[in-house]
């Protein structure tokens, strides 16, 4: 839930800034939708006792975070499909 709030705030802040920053609001918006879908699925799975599904959802939660830690430029390139950014 905290991740959703932070991503929503980041999306609004980057949209309000000028210049290059609205491109980042697209990335934060996609990540917000991704985590929102996972959060809804977790709410629906709360009553289930299947641990495999819970571990799968935990893995889906961690994938973008780990990807952003090790290669943030590739994460942004993947989410911005067509807008090539060079972070060097």
N, C-alpha and C. Protein backbone atom coordinates (compact mmCIF):
# COMPACT_ATOMS: atom_id res chain seq x y z
N UNK A 1 0.81 -1.18 0.00
CA UNK A 1 0.00 0.00 0.00
C UNK A 1 0.87 1.26 0.00
N UNK A 2 1.97 1.22 0.74
CA UNK A 2 2.87 2.37 0.78
C UNK A 2 3.48 2.61 -0.59
N UNK A 3 3.80 1.53 -1.30
CA UNK A 3 4.36 1.65 -2.64
C UNK A 3 3.37 2.34 -3.57
N UNK A 4 2.09 1.99 -3.47
CA UNK A 4 1.08 2.64 -4.30
C UNK A 4 0.98 4.13 -4.01
N UNK A 5 1.02 4.49 -2.75
CA UNK A 5 0.94 5.91 -2.38
C UNK A 5 2.16 6.67 -2.90
N UNK A 6 3.35 6.09 -2.72
CA UNK A 6 4.57 6.76 -3.20
C UNK A 6 4.58 6.89 -4.72
N UNK A 7 4.13 5.86 -5.43
CA UNK A 7 4.10 5.95 -6.89
C UNK A 7 3.06 6.96 -7.37
N UNK A 8 1.93 7.04 -6.70
CA UNK A 8 0.92 8.04 -7.07
C UNK A 8 1.46 9.45 -6.84
N UNK A 9 2.13 9.66 -5.72
CA UNK A 9 2.73 10.98 -5.46
C UNK A 9 3.83 11.31 -6.47
N UNK A 10 4.67 10.32 -6.78
CA UNK A 10 5.74 10.55 -7.75
C UNK A 10 5.17 10.89 -9.13
N UNK A 11 4.08 10.24 -9.50
CA UNK A 11 3.44 10.52 -10.78
C UNK A 11 2.92 11.95 -10.82
N UNK A 12 2.25 12.37 -9.75
CA UNK A 12 1.70 13.73 -9.71
C UNK A 12 2.80 14.79 -9.68
N UNK A 13 3.85 14.54 -8.93
CA UNK A 13 4.94 15.51 -8.83
C UNK A 13 5.66 15.65 -10.17
N UNK A 14 5.97 14.53 -10.81
CA UNK A 14 6.69 14.62 -12.09
C UNK A 14 5.82 15.21 -13.18
N UNK A 15 4.51 15.04 -13.09
CA UNK A 15 3.63 15.70 -14.06
C UNK A 15 3.62 17.21 -13.86
N UNK A 16 3.74 17.66 -12.62
CA UNK A 16 3.70 19.09 -12.36
C UNK A 16 5.02 19.80 -12.71
N UNK A 17 6.11 19.05 -12.78
CA UNK A 17 7.39 19.65 -13.14
C UNK A 17 7.47 19.80 -14.66
N UNK A 18 8.27 20.69 -15.11
CA UNK A 18 8.37 20.94 -16.54
C UNK A 18 9.57 20.25 -17.15
N UNK A 19 9.72 20.46 -18.42
CA UNK A 19 10.89 19.95 -19.13
C UNK A 19 10.85 18.45 -19.37
N UNK A 20 11.86 17.78 -18.87
CA UNK A 20 12.09 16.37 -19.13
C UNK A 20 11.31 15.45 -18.19
N UNK A 21 10.85 15.98 -17.06
CA UNK A 21 10.26 15.15 -16.01
C UNK A 21 8.94 14.47 -16.36
N UNK A 22 8.06 15.04 -17.18
CA UNK A 22 6.82 14.32 -17.50
C UNK A 22 7.04 12.95 -18.15
N UNK A 23 8.21 12.73 -18.77
CA UNK A 23 8.50 11.39 -19.28
C UNK A 23 8.57 10.37 -18.14
N UNK A 24 9.09 10.79 -17.01
CA UNK A 24 9.18 9.89 -15.87
C UNK A 24 7.80 9.61 -15.26
N UNK A 25 6.85 10.54 -15.45
CA UNK A 25 5.51 10.28 -14.94
C UNK A 25 4.87 9.10 -15.66
N UNK A 26 5.24 8.87 -16.92
CA UNK A 26 4.74 7.71 -17.65
C UNK A 26 5.23 6.43 -16.98
N UNK A 27 6.50 6.40 -16.64
CA UNK A 27 7.08 5.23 -15.98
C UNK A 27 6.43 5.00 -14.63
N UNK A 28 6.29 6.06 -13.84
CA UNK A 28 5.68 5.91 -12.52
C UNK A 28 4.22 5.50 -12.64
N UNK A 29 3.54 5.98 -13.67
CA UNK A 29 2.14 5.58 -13.88
C UNK A 29 2.01 4.11 -14.22
N UNK A 30 2.89 3.60 -15.09
CA UNK A 30 2.87 2.16 -15.42
C UNK A 30 3.17 1.32 -14.19
N UNK A 31 4.16 1.73 -13.40
CA UNK A 31 4.47 0.99 -12.18
C UNK A 31 3.32 1.06 -11.18
N UNK A 32 2.64 2.19 -11.10
CA UNK A 32 1.48 2.32 -10.22
C UNK A 32 0.39 1.34 -10.63
N UNK A 33 0.09 1.26 -11.92
CA UNK A 33 -0.92 0.32 -12.39
C UNK A 33 -0.52 -1.13 -12.13
N UNK A 34 0.76 -1.44 -12.34
CA UNK A 34 1.27 -2.80 -12.10
C UNK A 34 1.06 -3.20 -10.65
N UNK A 35 1.46 -2.33 -9.72
CA UNK A 35 1.32 -2.64 -8.30
C UNK A 35 -0.14 -2.60 -7.85
N UNK A 36 -0.96 -1.78 -8.48
CA UNK A 36 -2.38 -1.76 -8.16
C UNK A 36 -3.04 -3.09 -8.53
N UNK A 37 -2.71 -3.62 -9.68
CA UNK A 37 -3.24 -4.92 -10.09
C UNK A 37 -2.79 -6.02 -9.14
N UNK A 38 -1.52 -6.00 -8.76
CA UNK A 38 -1.02 -7.00 -7.81
C UNK A 38 -1.72 -6.85 -6.46
N UNK A 39 -1.95 -5.63 -6.02
CA UNK A 39 -2.62 -5.41 -4.74
C UNK A 39 -4.06 -5.94 -4.78
N UNK A 40 -4.76 -5.72 -5.87
CA UNK A 40 -6.13 -6.23 -6.00
C UNK A 40 -6.14 -7.75 -6.01
N UNK A 41 -5.21 -8.36 -6.71
CA UNK A 41 -5.12 -9.83 -6.73
C UNK A 41 -4.80 -10.36 -5.34
N UNK A 42 -3.92 -9.69 -4.61
CA UNK A 42 -3.60 -10.12 -3.25
C UNK A 42 -4.82 -10.03 -2.33
N UNK A 43 -5.63 -9.02 -2.50
CA UNK A 43 -6.85 -8.92 -1.71
C UNK A 43 -7.79 -10.09 -2.03
N UNK A 44 -7.88 -10.43 -3.30
CA UNK A 44 -8.74 -11.56 -3.69
C UNK A 44 -8.18 -12.89 -3.21
N UNK A 45 -6.85 -13.01 -3.11
CA UNK A 45 -6.23 -14.26 -2.68
C UNK A 45 -6.10 -14.37 -1.16
N UNK A 46 -6.50 -13.35 -0.45
CA UNK A 46 -6.32 -13.34 1.00
C UNK A 46 -7.02 -14.52 1.67
N UNK A 47 -8.14 -14.94 1.14
CA UNK A 47 -8.90 -16.03 1.75
C UNK A 47 -8.41 -17.41 1.32
N UNK A 48 -7.57 -17.46 0.31
CA UNK A 48 -7.04 -18.74 -0.16
C UNK A 48 -5.90 -19.20 0.73
N UNK A 49 -5.73 -20.49 0.83
CA UNK A 49 -4.65 -21.07 1.64
C UNK A 49 -3.50 -21.57 0.78
N UNK A 50 -3.51 -21.26 -0.52
CA UNK A 50 -2.49 -21.74 -1.43
C UNK A 50 -1.23 -20.87 -1.31
N UNK A 51 -0.18 -21.44 -0.73
CA UNK A 51 1.05 -20.68 -0.52
C UNK A 51 1.81 -20.44 -1.81
N UNK A 52 1.65 -21.29 -2.80
CA UNK A 52 2.35 -21.11 -4.07
C UNK A 52 1.91 -19.81 -4.72
N UNK A 53 0.62 -19.51 -4.69
CA UNK A 53 0.13 -18.26 -5.27
C UNK A 53 0.67 -17.05 -4.51
N UNK A 54 0.77 -17.17 -3.20
CA UNK A 54 1.29 -16.06 -2.41
C UNK A 54 2.77 -15.82 -2.68
N UNK A 55 3.53 -16.89 -2.85
CA UNK A 55 4.95 -16.73 -3.19
C UNK A 55 5.11 -16.17 -4.60
N UNK A 56 4.23 -16.57 -5.51
CA UNK A 56 4.29 -16.03 -6.87
C UNK A 56 4.00 -14.53 -6.87
N UNK A 57 3.05 -14.11 -6.06
CA UNK A 57 2.73 -12.68 -5.99
C UNK A 57 3.86 -11.90 -5.32
N UNK A 58 4.50 -12.49 -4.32
CA UNK A 58 5.64 -11.83 -3.69
C UNK A 58 6.78 -11.67 -4.68
N UNK A 59 6.97 -12.66 -5.54
CA UNK A 59 8.00 -12.56 -6.58
C UNK A 59 7.66 -11.46 -7.57
N UNK A 60 6.38 -11.35 -7.95
CA UNK A 60 5.97 -10.29 -8.87
C UNK A 60 6.14 -8.90 -8.25
N UNK A 61 5.99 -8.81 -6.95
CA UNK A 61 6.20 -7.53 -6.28
C UNK A 61 7.68 -7.14 -6.31
N UNK A 62 8.56 -8.11 -6.14
CA UNK A 62 10.00 -7.82 -6.02
C UNK A 62 10.71 -7.61 -7.36
N UNK A 63 10.18 -8.15 -8.45
CA UNK A 63 10.88 -8.08 -9.74
C UNK A 63 11.20 -6.64 -10.16
N UNK A 64 10.23 -5.70 -10.22
CA UNK A 64 10.59 -4.34 -10.63
C UNK A 64 11.55 -3.64 -9.68
N UNK A 65 11.43 -3.94 -8.39
CA UNK A 65 12.33 -3.30 -7.42
C UNK A 65 13.76 -3.77 -7.60
N UNK A 66 13.96 -5.05 -7.79
CA UNK A 66 15.30 -5.59 -8.01
C UNK A 66 15.85 -5.09 -9.34
N UNK A 67 15.00 -5.06 -10.36
CA UNK A 67 15.40 -4.58 -11.68
C UNK A 67 15.82 -3.12 -11.60
N UNK A 68 15.08 -2.32 -10.83
CA UNK A 68 15.42 -0.90 -10.69
C UNK A 68 16.71 -0.69 -9.90
N UNK A 69 17.02 -1.61 -9.00
CA UNK A 69 18.28 -1.50 -8.25
C UNK A 69 19.50 -1.79 -9.10
N UNK A 70 19.41 -2.81 -9.94
CA UNK A 70 20.58 -3.25 -10.70
C UNK A 70 20.72 -2.59 -12.07
N UNK A 71 19.62 -2.27 -12.72
CA UNK A 71 19.70 -1.67 -14.06
C UNK A 71 18.52 -0.73 -14.29
N UNK A 72 18.52 0.44 -13.64
CA UNK A 72 17.36 1.34 -13.79
C UNK A 72 17.17 1.86 -15.21
N UNK A 73 18.26 2.02 -15.96
CA UNK A 73 18.11 2.54 -17.32
C UNK A 73 17.37 1.55 -18.22
N UNK A 74 17.57 0.25 -18.00
CA UNK A 74 16.86 -0.75 -18.80
C UNK A 74 15.38 -0.83 -18.41
N UNK A 75 15.09 -0.62 -17.14
CA UNK A 75 13.70 -0.59 -16.69
C UNK A 75 12.98 0.59 -17.34
N UNK A 76 13.60 1.76 -17.35
CA UNK A 76 12.99 2.92 -17.98
C UNK A 76 12.84 2.72 -19.48
N UNK A 77 13.85 2.15 -20.13
CA UNK A 77 13.74 1.87 -21.57
C UNK A 77 12.59 0.90 -21.86
N UNK A 78 12.44 -0.11 -21.02
CA UNK A 78 11.36 -1.08 -21.21
C UNK A 78 10.00 -0.43 -21.03
N UNK A 79 9.86 0.42 -20.04
CA UNK A 79 8.56 1.04 -19.77
C UNK A 79 8.24 2.20 -20.70
N UNK A 80 9.25 2.78 -21.32
CA UNK A 80 9.03 3.89 -22.25
C UNK A 80 9.10 3.46 -23.71
N UNK A 81 9.06 2.22 -24.02
CA UNK A 81 9.06 1.64 -25.36
C UNK A 81 9.04 2.69 -26.49
N UNK A 82 10.14 2.99 -27.03
CA UNK A 82 10.22 3.91 -28.15
C UNK A 82 10.94 5.21 -27.83
N UNK A 83 10.96 5.61 -26.58
CA UNK A 83 11.69 6.81 -26.18
C UNK A 83 13.01 6.33 -25.61
N UNK A 84 14.08 6.55 -26.32
CA UNK A 84 15.40 6.06 -25.89
C UNK A 84 16.09 7.13 -25.05
N UNK A 85 16.44 6.76 -23.83
CA UNK A 85 17.15 7.67 -22.92
C UNK A 85 18.55 7.14 -22.69
N UNK A 86 19.51 8.03 -22.71
CA UNK A 86 20.89 7.64 -22.44
C UNK A 86 21.31 8.28 -21.12
N UNK A 87 21.52 7.47 -20.09
CA UNK A 87 21.84 7.98 -18.77
C UNK A 87 23.33 8.23 -18.56
N UNK A 88 24.12 8.10 -19.58
CA UNK A 88 25.57 8.31 -19.41
C UNK A 88 25.92 9.75 -19.44
